[in-house]
Structures are given as C-alpha cells and as structure tokens.
PDB file of N, CA and C in Angstrom:
ATOM      1  N   MET A   1      51.013 125.649  98.153  1.00  0.00           N
ATOM      2  CA  MET A   1      52.192 124.803  98.071  1.00  0.00           C
ATOM      3  C   MET A   1      52.099 123.690  99.111  1.00  0.00           C
ATOM      4  N   PRO A   2      51.200 122.746  98.869  1.00  0.00           N
ATOM      5  CA  PRO A   2      50.959 121.710  99.866  1.00  0.00           C
ATOM      6  C   PRO A   2      52.171 120.839 100.171  1.00  0.00           C
ATOM      7  N   ASN A   3      53.010 120.548  99.164  1.00  0.00           N
ATOM      8  CA  ASN A   3      54.165 119.688  99.449  1.00  0.00           C
ATOM      9  C   ASN A   3      55.156 120.387 100.377  1.00  0.00           C
ATOM     10  N   HIS A   4      55.311 121.696 100.238  1.00  0.00           N
ATOM     11  CA  HIS A   4      56.198 122.439 101.135  1.00  0.00           C
ATOM     12  C   HIS A   4      55.584 122.533 102.532  1.00  0.00           C
ATOM     13  N   LYS A   5      54.278 122.716 102.587  1.00  0.00           N
ATOM     14  CA  LYS A   5      53.613 122.800 103.887  1.00  0.00           C
ATOM     15  C   LYS A   5      53.757 121.485 104.642  1.00  0.00           C
ATOM     16  N   GLU A   6      53.598 120.377 103.921  1.00  0.00           N
ATOM     17  CA  GLU A   6      53.749 119.063 104.550  1.00  0.00           C
ATOM     18  C   GLU A   6      55.185 118.852 105.033  1.00  0.00           C
ATOM     19  N   ALA A   7      56.152 119.214 104.190  1.00  0.00           N
ATOM     20  CA  ALA A   7      57.565 119.073 104.567  1.00  0.00           C
ATOM     21  C   ALA A   7      57.885 119.938 105.788  1.00  0.00           C
ATOM     22  N   LEU A   8      57.352 121.145 105.799  1.00  0.00           N
ATOM     23  CA  LEU A   8      57.592 122.040 106.933  1.00  0.00           C
ATOM     24  C   LEU A   8      56.923 121.519 108.204  1.00  0.00           C
ATOM     25  N   SER A   9      55.747 120.962 108.081  1.00  0.00           N
ATOM     26  CA  SER A   9      55.050 120.409 109.245  1.00  0.00           C
ATOM     27  C   SER A   9      55.820 119.233 109.831  1.00  0.00           C
ATOM     28  N   ILE A  10      56.337 118.377 108.972  1.00  0.00           N
ATOM     29  CA  ILE A  10      57.152 117.246 109.431  1.00  0.00           C
ATOM     30  C   ILE A  10      58.429 117.744 110.093  1.00  0.00           C
ATOM     31  N   LEU A  11      59.079 118.736 109.467  1.00  0.00           N
ATOM     32  CA  LEU A  11      60.300 119.305 110.029  1.00  0.00           C
ATOM     33  C   LEU A  11      60.016 119.955 111.377  1.00  0.00           C
ATOM     34  N   LYS A  12      58.895 120.634 111.496  1.00  0.00           N
ATOM     35  CA  LYS A  12      58.513 121.269 112.765  1.00  0.00           C
ATOM     36  C   LYS A  12      58.414 120.226 113.866  1.00  0.00           C
ATOM     37  N   GLN A  13      57.719 119.119 113.594  1.00  0.00           N
ATOM     38  CA  GLN A  13      57.567 118.068 114.602  1.00  0.00           C
ATOM     39  C   GLN A  13      58.912 117.440 114.954  1.00  0.00           C
ATOM     40  N   THR A  14      59.749 117.213 113.948  1.00  0.00           N
ATOM     41  CA  THR A  14      61.082 116.646 114.181  1.00  0.00           C
ATOM     42  C   THR A  14      61.907 117.558 115.081  1.00  0.00           C
ATOM     43  N   LEU A  15      61.870 118.853 114.796  1.00  0.00           N
ATOM     44  CA  LEU A  15      62.625 119.814 115.602  1.00  0.00           C
ATOM     45  C   LEU A  15      62.091 119.889 117.030  1.00  0.00           C
ATOM     46  N   MET A  16      60.780 119.837 117.186  1.00  0.00           N
ATOM     47  CA  MET A  16      60.205 119.868 118.533  1.00  0.00           C
ATOM     48  C   MET A  16      60.630 118.639 119.327  1.00  0.00           C
ATOM     49  N   ASP A  17      60.655 117.473 118.682  1.00  0.00           N
ATOM     50  CA  ASP A  17      61.118 116.249 119.343  1.00  0.00           C
ATOM     51  C   ASP A  17      62.600 116.358 119.710  1.00  0.00           C
ATOM     52  N   GLU A  18      63.384 116.912 118.785  1.00  0.00           N
ATOM     53  CA  GLU A  18      64.819 117.077 119.024  1.00  0.00           C
ATOM     54  C   GLU A  18      65.073 118.031 120.188  1.00  0.00           C
ATOM     55  N   LEU A  19      64.290 119.087 120.290  1.00  0.00           N
ATOM     56  CA  LEU A  19      64.449 120.041 121.386  1.00  0.00           C
ATOM     57  C   LEU A  19      64.178 119.393 122.738  1.00  0.00           C
ATOM     58  N   VAL A  20      63.188 118.514 122.789  1.00  0.00           N
ATOM     59  CA  VAL A  20      62.889 117.806 124.039  1.00  0.00           C
ATOM     60  C   VAL A  20      64.088 116.945 124.440  1.00  0.00           C
ATOM     61  N   LEU A  21      64.647 116.234 123.488  1.00  0.00           N
ATOM     62  CA  LEU A  21      65.805 115.387 123.760  1.00  0.00           C
ATOM     63  C   LEU A  21      67.012 116.216 124.183  1.00  0.00           C
ATOM     64  N   LEU A  22      67.276 117.289 123.446  1.00  0.00           N
ATOM     65  CA  LEU A  22      68.435 118.134 123.757  1.00  0.00           C
ATOM     66  C   LEU A  22      68.281 118.825 125.100  1.00  0.00           C
ATOM     67  N   GLN A  23      67.061 119.189 125.466  1.00  0.00           N
ATOM     68  CA  GLN A  23      66.836 119.856 126.752  1.00  0.00           C
ATOM     69  C   GLN A  23      67.321 118.981 127.897  1.00  0.00           C
ATOM     70  N   SER A  24      67.060 117.689 127.793  1.00  0.00           N
ATOM     71  CA  SER A  24      67.487 116.784 128.861  1.00  0.00           C
ATOM     72  C   SER A  24      69.010 116.656 128.920  1.00  0.00           C
ATOM     73  N   GLN A  25      69.689 116.929 127.809  1.00  0.00           N
ATOM     74  CA  GLN A  25      71.147 116.823 127.771  1.00  0.00           C
ATOM     75  C   GLN A  25      71.837 118.098 128.212  1.00  0.00           C
ATOM     76  N   THR A  26      71.073 119.147 128.511  1.00  0.00           N
ATOM     77  CA  THR A  26      71.674 120.415 128.919  1.00  0.00           C
ATOM     78  C   THR A  26      71.618 120.618 130.428  1.00  0.00           C
ATOM     79  N   ASP A  27      71.168 119.595 131.148  1.00  0.00           N
ATOM     80  CA  ASP A  27      71.112 119.693 132.603  1.00  0.00           C
ATOM     81  C   ASP A  27      72.516 119.920 133.160  1.00  0.00           C
ATOM     82  N   PRO A  28      72.620 120.638 134.281  1.00  0.00           N
ATOM     83  CA  PRO A  28      73.939 120.908 134.874  1.00  0.00           C
ATOM     84  C   PRO A  28      74.700 119.619 135.182  1.00  0.00           C
ATOM     85  N   VAL A  29      76.014 119.697 135.022  1.00  0.00           N
ATOM     86  CA  VAL A  29      76.894 118.560 135.313  1.00  0.00           C
ATOM     87  C   VAL A  29      77.196 118.565 136.805  1.00  0.00           C
ATOM     88  N   GLU A  30      77.053 117.408 137.426  1.00  0.00           N
ATOM     89  CA  GLU A  30      77.311 117.274 138.861  1.00  0.00           C
ATOM     90  C   GLU A  30      78.765 117.603 139.185  1.00  0.00           C
ATOM     91  N   LEU A  31      78.974 118.271 140.310  1.00  0.00           N
ATOM     92  CA  LEU A  31      80.321 118.632 140.733  1.00  0.00           C
ATOM     93  C   LEU A  31      80.981 117.544 141.570  1.00  0.00           C
ATOM     94  N   ASP A  32      80.247 116.535 141.964  1.00  0.00           N
ATOM     95  CA  ASP A  32      80.752 115.462 142.810  1.00  0.00           C
ATOM     96  C   ASP A  32      81.775 114.627 142.043  1.00  0.00           C
ATOM     97  N   GLN A  33      83.055 114.804 142.372  1.00  0.00           N
ATOM     98  CA  GLN A  33      84.106 114.079 141.672  1.00  0.00           C
ATOM     99  C   GLN A  33      84.240 112.644 142.180  1.00  0.00           C
ATOM    100  N   GLN A  34      83.504 112.270 143.231  1.00  0.00           N
ATOM    101  CA  GLN A  34      83.522 110.885 143.692  1.00  0.00           C
ATOM    102  C   GLN A  34      82.722 110.000 142.736  1.00  0.00           C
ATOM    103  N   SER A  35      81.651 110.577 142.170  1.00  0.00           N
ATOM    104  CA  SER A  35      80.806 109.761 141.293  1.00  0.00           C
ATOM    105  C   SER A  35      81.381 109.655 139.881  1.00  0.00           C
ATOM    106  N   ILE A  36      82.043 110.698 139.417  1.00  0.00           N
ATOM    107  CA  ILE A  36      82.728 110.635 138.118  1.00  0.00           C
ATOM    108  C   ILE A  36      84.084 111.295 138.260  1.00  0.00           C
ATOM    109  N   GLY A  37      85.037 110.813 137.510  1.00  0.00           N
ATOM    110  CA  GLY A  37      86.386 111.363 137.577  1.00  0.00           C
ATOM    111  C   GLY A  37      86.474 112.720 136.913  1.00  0.00           C
ATOM    112  N   ARG A  38      87.604 113.371 137.085  1.00  0.00           N
ATOM    113  CA  ARG A  38      87.812 114.718 136.553  1.00  0.00           C
ATOM    114  C   ARG A  38      87.719 114.743 135.026  1.00  0.00           C
ATOM    115  N   VAL A  39      88.372 113.779 134.367  1.00  0.00           N
ATOM    116  CA  VAL A  39      88.347 113.738 132.903  1.00  0.00           C
ATOM    117  C   VAL A  39      86.927 113.475 132.416  1.00  0.00           C
ATOM    118  N   SER A  40      86.239 112.560 133.077  1.00  0.00           N
ATOM    119  CA  SER A  40      84.854 112.274 132.698  1.00  0.00           C
ATOM    120  C   SER A  40      83.971 113.494 132.897  1.00  0.00           C
ATOM    121  N   ARG A  41      84.227 114.258 133.947  1.00  0.00           N
ATOM    122  CA  ARG A  41      83.455 115.465 134.218  1.00  0.00           C
ATOM    123  C   ARG A  41      83.696 116.507 133.131  1.00  0.00           C
ATOM    124  N   ILE A  42      84.945 116.656 132.718  1.00  0.00           N
ATOM    125  CA  ILE A  42      85.269 117.594 131.634  1.00  0.00           C
ATOM    126  C   ILE A  42      84.573 117.159 130.353  1.00  0.00           C
ATOM    127  N   ASP A  43      84.591 115.862 130.070  1.00  0.00           N
ATOM    128  CA  ASP A  43      83.865 115.324 128.913  1.00  0.00           C
ATOM    129  C   ASP A  43      82.379 115.647 129.010  1.00  0.00           C
ATOM    130  N   ALA A  44      81.821 115.446 130.196  1.00  0.00           N
ATOM    131  CA  ALA A  44      80.390 115.705 130.404  1.00  0.00           C
ATOM    132  C   ALA A  44      80.073 117.180 130.187  1.00  0.00           C
ATOM    133  N   ILE A  45      80.944 118.058 130.634  1.00  0.00           N
ATOM    134  CA  ILE A  45      80.740 119.502 130.440  1.00  0.00           C
ATOM    135  C   ILE A  45      80.812 119.847 128.961  1.00  0.00           C
ATOM    136  N   GLN A  46      81.768 119.248 128.254  1.00  0.00           N
ATOM    137  CA  GLN A  46      81.870 119.502 126.811  1.00  0.00           C
ATOM    138  C   GLN A  46      80.623 118.999 126.080  1.00  0.00           C
ATOM    139  N   GLN A  47      80.135 117.832 126.465  1.00  0.00           N
ATOM    140  CA  GLN A  47      78.913 117.296 125.860  1.00  0.00           C
ATOM    141  C   GLN A  47      77.722 118.205 126.155  1.00  0.00           C
ATOM    142  N   GLN A  48      77.683 118.736 127.377  1.00  0.00           N
ATOM    143  CA  GLN A  48      76.600 119.639 127.757  1.00  0.00           C
ATOM    144  C   GLN A  48      76.643 120.913 126.902  1.00  0.00           C
ATOM    145  N   GLU A  49      77.822 121.471 126.693  1.00  0.00           N
ATOM    146  CA  GLU A  49      77.963 122.683 125.878  1.00  0.00           C
ATOM    147  C   GLU A  49      77.576 122.415 124.425  1.00  0.00           C
ATOM    148  N   LEU A  50      77.941 121.244 123.917  1.00  0.00           N
ATOM    149  CA  LEU A  50      77.556 120.866 122.561  1.00  0.00           C
ATOM    150  C   LEU A  50      76.032 120.746 122.463  1.00  0.00           C
ATOM    151  N   ALA A  51      75.421 120.144 123.467  1.00  0.00           N
ATOM    152  CA  ALA A  51      73.959 120.016 123.488  1.00  0.00           C
ATOM    153  C   ALA A  51      73.298 121.384 123.545  1.00  0.00           C
ATOM    154  N   LYS A  52      73.870 122.303 124.318  1.00  0.00           N
ATOM    155  CA  LYS A  52      73.317 123.666 124.390  1.00  0.00           C
ATOM    156  C   LYS A  52      73.395 124.357 123.036  1.00  0.00           C
ATOM    157  N   SER A  53      74.517 124.195 122.368  1.00  0.00           N
ATOM    158  CA  SER A  53      74.696 124.792 121.042  1.00  0.00           C
ATOM    159  C   SER A  53      73.708 124.199 120.042  1.00  0.00           C
ATOM    160  N   ASN A  54      73.570 122.884 120.069  1.00  0.00           N
ATOM    161  CA  ASN A  54      72.617 122.209 119.184  1.00  0.00           C
ATOM    162  C   ASN A  54      71.184 122.620 119.509  1.00  0.00           C
ATOM    163  N   TYR A  55      70.884 122.832 120.786  1.00  0.00           N
ATOM    164  CA  TYR A  55      69.555 123.267 121.196  1.00  0.00           C
ATOM    165  C   TYR A  55      69.253 124.648 120.616  1.00  0.00           C
ATOM    166  N   ARG A  56      70.210 125.566 120.734  1.00  0.00           N
ATOM    167  CA  ARG A  56      70.000 126.920 120.190  1.00  0.00           C
ATOM    168  C   ARG A  56      69.791 126.880 118.682  1.00  0.00           C
ATOM    169  N   ALA A  57      70.572 126.065 117.978  1.00  0.00           N
ATOM    170  CA  ALA A  57      70.434 125.956 116.516  1.00  0.00           C
ATOM    171  C   ALA A  57      69.074 125.375 116.141  1.00  0.00           C
ATOM    172  N   ALA A  58      68.638 124.337 116.851  1.00  0.00           N
ATOM    173  CA  ALA A  58      67.346 123.721 116.558  1.00  0.00           C
ATOM    174  C   ALA A  58      66.201 124.682 116.879  1.00  0.00           C
ATOM    175  N   ALA A  59      66.332 125.437 117.971  1.00  0.00           N
ATOM    176  CA  ALA A  59      65.293 126.405 118.339  1.00  0.00           C
ATOM    177  C   ALA A  59      65.187 127.503 117.283  1.00  0.00           C
ATOM    178  N   LEU A  60      66.321 127.957 116.772  1.00  0.00           N
ATOM    179  CA  LEU A  60      66.319 128.975 115.730  1.00  0.00           C
ATOM    180  C   LEU A  60      65.691 128.423 114.452  1.00  0.00           C
ATOM    181  N   GLN A  61      66.045 127.194 114.090  1.00  0.00           N
ATOM    182  CA  GLN A  61      65.462 126.591 112.890  1.00  0.00           C
ATOM    183  C   GLN A  61      63.956 126.399 113.065  1.00  0.00           C
ATOM    184  N   LEU A  62      63.527 126.007 114.254  1.00  0.00           N
ATOM    185  CA  LEU A  62      62.094 125.850 114.510  1.00  0.00           C
ATOM    186  C   LEU A  62      61.370 127.178 114.329  1.00  0.00           C
ATOM    187  N   LYS A  63      61.978 128.243 114.797  1.00  0.00           N
ATOM    188  CA  LYS A  63      61.392 129.578 114.631  1.00  0.00           C
ATOM    189  C   LYS A  63      61.234 129.910 113.143  1.00  0.00           C
ATOM    190  N   GLU A  64      62.241 129.576 112.342  1.00  0.00           N
ATOM    191  CA  GLU A  64      62.189 129.819 110.902  1.00  0.00           C
ATOM    192  C   GLU A  64      61.110 128.958 110.235  1.00  0.00           C
ATOM    193  N   VAL A  65      60.971 127.719 110.686  1.00  0.00           N
ATOM    194  CA  VAL A  65      59.958 126.816 110.126  1.00  0.00           C
ATOM    195  C   VAL A  65      58.558 127.353 110.435  1.00  0.00           C
ATOM    196  N   ILE A  66      58.343 127.790 111.656  1.00  0.00           N
ATOM    197  CA  ILE A  66      57.039 128.350 112.037  1.00  0.00           C
ATOM    198  C   ILE A  66      56.739 129.594 111.210  1.00  0.00           C
ATOM    199  N   ALA A  67      57.752 130.432 110.989  1.00  0.00           N
ATOM    200  CA  ALA A  67      57.567 131.630 110.164  1.00  0.00           C
ATOM    201  C   ALA A  67      57.233 131.244 108.721  1.00  0.00           C
ATOM    202  N   ALA A  68      57.867 130.202 108.205  1.00  0.00           N
ATOM    203  CA  ALA A  68      57.592 129.749 106.835  1.00  0.00           C
ATOM    204  C   ALA A  68      56.159 129.222 106.722  1.00  0.00           C
ATOM    205  N   LEU A  69      55.710 128.488 107.725  1.00  0.00           N
ATOM    206  CA  LEU A  69      54.324 128.007 107.716  1.00  0.00           C
ATOM    207  C   LEU A  69      53.346 129.181 107.734  1.00  0.00           C
ATOM    208  N   SER A  70      53.699 130.205 108.462  1.00  0.00           N
ATOM    209  CA  SER A  70      52.870 131.412 108.494  1.00  0.00           C
ATOM    210  C   SER A  70      52.838 132.091 107.129  1.00  0.00           C
ATOM    211  N   ARG A  71      54.003 132.126 106.457  1.00  0.00           N
ATOM    212  CA  ARG A  71      54.062 132.722 105.109  1.00  0.00           C
ATOM    213  C   ARG A  71      53.199 131.931 104.124  1.00  0.00           C
ATOM    214  N   ILE A  72      53.143 130.618 104.290  1.00  0.00           N
ATOM    215  CA  ILE A  72      52.283 129.800 103.424  1.00  0.00           C
ATOM    216  C   ILE A  72      50.826 130.204 103.637  1.00  0.00           C
ATOM    217  N   ASP A  73      50.425 130.320 104.894  1.00  0.00           N
ATOM    218  CA  ASP A  73      49.045 130.687 105.207  1.00  0.00           C
ATOM    219  C   ASP A  73      48.685 132.080 104.674  1.00  0.00           C
ATOM    220  N   GLU A  74      49.680 132.947 104.579  1.00  0.00           N
ATOM    221  CA  GLU A  74      49.451 134.317 104.103  1.00  0.00           C
ATOM    222  C   GLU A  74      49.730 134.473 102.603  1.00  0.00           C
ATOM    223  N   ASP A  75      49.954 133.366 101.918  1.00  0.00           N
ATOM    224  CA  ASP A  75      50.278 133.363 100.481  1.00  0.00           C
ATOM    225  C   ASP A  75      51.509 134.209 100.147  1.00  0.00           C
ATOM    226  N   GLU A  76      52.476 134.211 101.049  1.00  0.00           N
ATOM    227  CA  GLU A  76      53.718 134.945 100.832  1.00  0.00           C
ATOM    228  C   GLU A  76      54.915 134.008 100.751  1.00  0.00           C
ATOM    229  N   TYR A  77      54.657 132.720 100.756  1.00  0.00           N
ATOM    230  CA  TYR A  77      55.726 131.724 100.755  1.00  0.00           C
ATOM    231  C   TYR A  77      56.348 131.602  99.367  1.00  0.00           C
ATOM    232  N   GLY A  78      57.665 131.436  99.352  1.00  0.00           N
ATOM    233  CA  GLY A  78      58.374 131.206  98.093  1.00  0.00           C
ATOM    234  C   GLY A  78      58.911 132.462  97.455  1.00  0.00           C
ATOM    235  N   TYR A  79      58.709 133.594  98.119  1.00  0.00           N
ATOM    236  CA  TYR A  79      59.227 134.864  97.608  1.00  0.00           C
ATOM    237  C   TYR A  79      60.302 135.384  98.551  1.00  0.00           C
ATOM    238  N   CYS A  80      61.355 135.921  97.980  1.00  0.00           N
ATOM    239  CA  CYS A  80      62.461 136.464  98.767  1.00  0.00           C
ATOM    240  C   CYS A  80      61.974 137.672  99.568  1.00  0.00           C
ATOM    241  N   GLU A  81      62.286 137.690 100.841  1.00  0.00           N
ATOM    242  CA  GLU A  81      61.884 138.806 101.695  1.00  0.00           C
ATOM    243  C   GLU A  81      62.685 140.077 101.398  1.00  0.00           C
ATOM    244  N   GLU A  82      63.789 139.931 100.721  1.00  0.00           N
ATOM    245  CA  GLU A  82      64.643 141.082 100.403  1.00  0.00           C
ATOM    246  C   GLU A  82      64.242 141.722  99.081  1.00  0.00           C
ATOM    247  N   CYS A  83      64.241 140.942  98.017  1.00  0.00           N
ATOM    248  CA  CYS A  83      64.017 141.502  96.670  1.00  0.00           C
ATOM    249  C   CYS A  83      62.634 141.197  96.112  1.00  0.00           C
ATOM    250  N   GLY A  84      61.904 140.274  96.728  1.00  0.00           N
ATOM    251  CA  GLY A  84      60.562 139.943  96.282  1.00  0.00           C
ATOM    252  C   GLY A  84      60.496 138.936  95.136  1.00  0.00           C
ATOM    253  N   GLU A  85      61.637 138.526  94.617  1.00  0.00           N
ATOM    254  CA  GLU A  85      61.670 137.543  93.521  1.00  0.00           C
ATOM    255  C   GLU A  85      61.347 136.150  94.054  1.00  0.00           C
ATOM    256  N   ASP A  86      60.962 135.266  93.128  1.00  0.00           N
ATOM    257  CA  ASP A  86      60.710 133.880  93.501  1.00  0.00           C
ATOM    258  C   ASP A  86      62.004 133.230  94.001  1.00  0.00           C
ATOM    259  N   ILE A  87      61.874 132.426  95.053  1.00  0.00           N
ATOM    260  CA  ILE A  87      62.991 131.603  95.520  1.00  0.00           C
ATOM    261  C   ILE A  87      62.944 130.327  94.693  1.00  0.00           C
ATOM    262  N   ALA A  88      64.078 129.902  94.181  1.00  0.00           N
ATOM    263  CA  ALA A  88      64.146 128.709  93.327  1.00  0.00           C
ATOM    264  C   ALA A  88      63.534 127.507  94.033  1.00  0.00           C
ATOM    265  N   SER A  89      62.740 126.746  93.284  1.00  0.00           N
ATOM    266  CA  SER A  89      62.058 125.591  93.876  1.00  0.00           C
ATOM    267  C   SER A  89      63.057 124.555  94.389  1.00  0.00           C
ATOM    268  N   ALA A  90      64.207 124.439  93.732  1.00  0.00           N
ATOM    269  CA  ALA A  90      65.229 123.501  94.201  1.00  0.00           C
ATOM    270  C   ALA A  90      65.754 123.928  95.575  1.00  0.00           C
ATOM    271  N   ARG A  91      65.898 125.225  95.768  1.00  0.00           N
ATOM    272  CA  ARG A  91      66.351 125.752  97.066  1.00  0.00           C
ATOM    273  C   ARG A  91      65.302 125.465  98.140  1.00  0.00           C
ATOM    274  N   LEU A  92      64.039 125.685  97.813  1.00  0.00           N
ATOM    275  CA  LEU A  92      62.965 125.422  98.765  1.00  0.00           C
ATOM    276  C   LEU A  92      62.840 123.931  99.072  1.00  0.00           C
ATOM    277  N   ALA A  93      63.144 123.094  98.092  1.00  0.00           N
ATOM    278  CA  ALA A  93      63.070 121.652  98.311  1.00  0.00           C
ATOM    279  C   ALA A  93      64.127 121.196  99.318  1.00  0.00           C
ATOM    280  N   VAL A  94      65.286 121.830  99.276  1.00  0.00           N
ATOM    281  CA  VAL A  94      66.379 121.458 100.176  1.00  0.00           C
ATOM    282  C   VAL A  94      66.186 122.065 101.564  1.00  0.00           C
ATOM    283  N   LYS A  95      65.769 123.318 101.592  1.00  0.00           N
ATOM    284  CA  LYS A  95      65.619 124.045 102.855  1.00  0.00           C
ATOM    285  C   LYS A  95      64.318 124.847 102.783  1.00  0.00           C
ATOM    286  N   PRO A  96      63.191 124.203 103.070  1.00  0.00           N
ATOM    287  CA  PRO A  96      61.895 124.844 102.835  1.00  0.00           C
ATOM    288  C   PRO A  96      61.625 126.073 103.693  1.00  0.00           C
ATOM    289  N   GLU A  97      62.403 126.299 104.739  1.00  0.00           N
ATOM    290  CA  GLU A  97      62.160 127.450 105.603  1.00  0.00           C
ATOM    291  C   GLU A  97      62.914 128.713 105.186  1.00  0.00           C
ATOM    292  N   VAL A  98      63.657 128.658 104.074  1.00  0.00           N
ATOM    293  CA  VAL A  98      64.463 129.823 103.684  1.00  0.00           C
ATOM    294  C   VAL A  98      63.595 131.046 103.409  1.00  0.00           C
ATOM    295  N   ARG A  99      64.183 132.215 103.685  1.00  0.00           N
ATOM    296  CA  ARG A  99      63.465 133.475 103.493  1.00  0.00           C
ATOM    297  C   ARG A  99      64.019 134.290 102.335  1.00  0.00           C
ATOM    298  N   PHE A 100      65.209 133.932 101.873  1.00  0.00           N
ATOM    299  CA  PHE A 100      65.883 134.739 100.856  1.00  0.00           C
ATOM    300  C   PHE A 100      66.296 133.893  99.656  1.00  0.00           C
ATOM    301  N   CYS A 101      66.353 134.531  98.495  1.00  0.00           N
ATOM    302  CA  CYS A 101      66.913 133.878  97.317  1.00  0.00           C
ATOM    303  C   CYS A 101      68.423 133.743  97.519  1.00  0.00           C
ATOM    304  N   VAL A 102      69.078 133.025  96.640  1.00  0.00           N
ATOM    305  CA  VAL A 102      70.516 132.770  96.785  1.00  0.00           C
ATOM    306  C   VAL A 102      71.306 134.077  96.802  1.00  0.00           C
ATOM    307  N   SER A 103      70.995 135.014  95.907  1.00  0.00           N
ATOM    308  CA  SER A 103      71.735 136.279  95.841  1.00  0.00           C
ATOM    309  C   SER A 103      71.618 137.073  97.121  1.00  0.00           C
ATOM    310  N   CYS A 104      70.380 137.231  97.576  1.00  0.00           N
ATOM    311  CA  CYS A 104      70.168 138.018  98.792  1.00  0.00           C
ATOM    312  C   CYS A 104      70.750 137.321 100.023  1.00  0.00           C
ATOM    313  N   GLN A 105      70.676 135.987 100.058  1.00  0.00           N
ATOM    314  CA  GLN A 105      71.275 135.240 101.166  1.00  0.00           C
ATOM    315  C   GLN A 105      72.778 135.477 101.199  1.00  0.00           C
ATOM    316  N   ALA A 106      73.408 135.464 100.025  1.00  0.00           N
ATOM    317  CA  ALA A 106      74.854 135.692  99.960  1.00  0.00           C
ATOM    318  C   ALA A 106      75.204 137.087 100.467  1.00  0.00           C
ATOM    319  N   SER A 107      74.406 138.085 100.132  1.00  0.00           N
ATOM    320  CA  SER A 107      74.702 139.440 100.600  1.00  0.00           C
ATOM    321  C   SER A 107      74.472 139.566 102.103  1.00  0.00           C
ATOM    322  N   HIS A 108      73.543 138.790 102.669  1.00  0.00           N
ATOM    323  CA  HIS A 108      73.318 138.803 104.115  1.00  0.00           C
ATOM    324  C   HIS A 108      74.471 138.149 104.869  1.00  0.00           C
ATOM    325  N   GLU A 109      75.103 137.191 104.225  1.00  0.00           N
ATOM    326  CA  GLU A 109      76.184 136.445 104.894  1.00  0.00           C
ATOM    327  C   GLU A 109      77.517 137.173 104.838  1.00  0.00           C
ATOM    328  N   GLN A 110      77.609 138.222 104.068  1.00  0.00           N
ATOM    329  CA  GLN A 110      78.882 138.947 103.962  1.00  0.00           C
ATOM    330  C   GLN A 110      79.054 139.932 105.075  1.00  0.00           C
TER     331      GLN A 110
END
C-alpha cells in the first residue's frame, strides 16, 4: 500500500515538526510579575497548558503513525486489530493510522 505508506511518512514528519514547535511552547511561565502583568501571566499559563495538551495528542498520534508504518512493513496494514476484517479504504484515506474498523472503534469508544 504505497500511497498509505507515503501519506503516513508525510504525517510522521509533520507530527515530528509540530512536536518540536510545541515543546518550545511548554516551557515554564516566568513568575516575575514585573515583566508581565497578572492577567498576561494567567493567559501565558493557559497557553502553556493548551500547548502541553496539544503536545500529548501529537505524541500519541505519532506513536500510532509509527505503529501503522510497522504494520505496513509486516503486511498487516489495513486489517482491524479487533476482528481482523478489512478497514474501509475511505477510512484509511482519512485517517491512515487507524487500527480498528468503524464497528470495533465504536465499541472501544463506549
């Protein structure tokens, strides 16, 4: 599945670049209220927490992308890890790192 492998490789690089950017945004917020006001500091803390959340989500997605690339190399890509059925090509086109078919994904989310 070369088109999926290419899409996953591009997504992997994009996520790695995003993680580098987000890492710089998660640095501790300075406590010096002389340099920034209290409201600005609260804003900065909220932005930092948002960056941390986005970093965790991107790191998790990167892990899934790497696992999907591994499944391609092992000729196990495109099959649901739960039931073993084919994952719909439209689903893989939208989210190439998915591990489950729609039915099994729905049961995991409940």
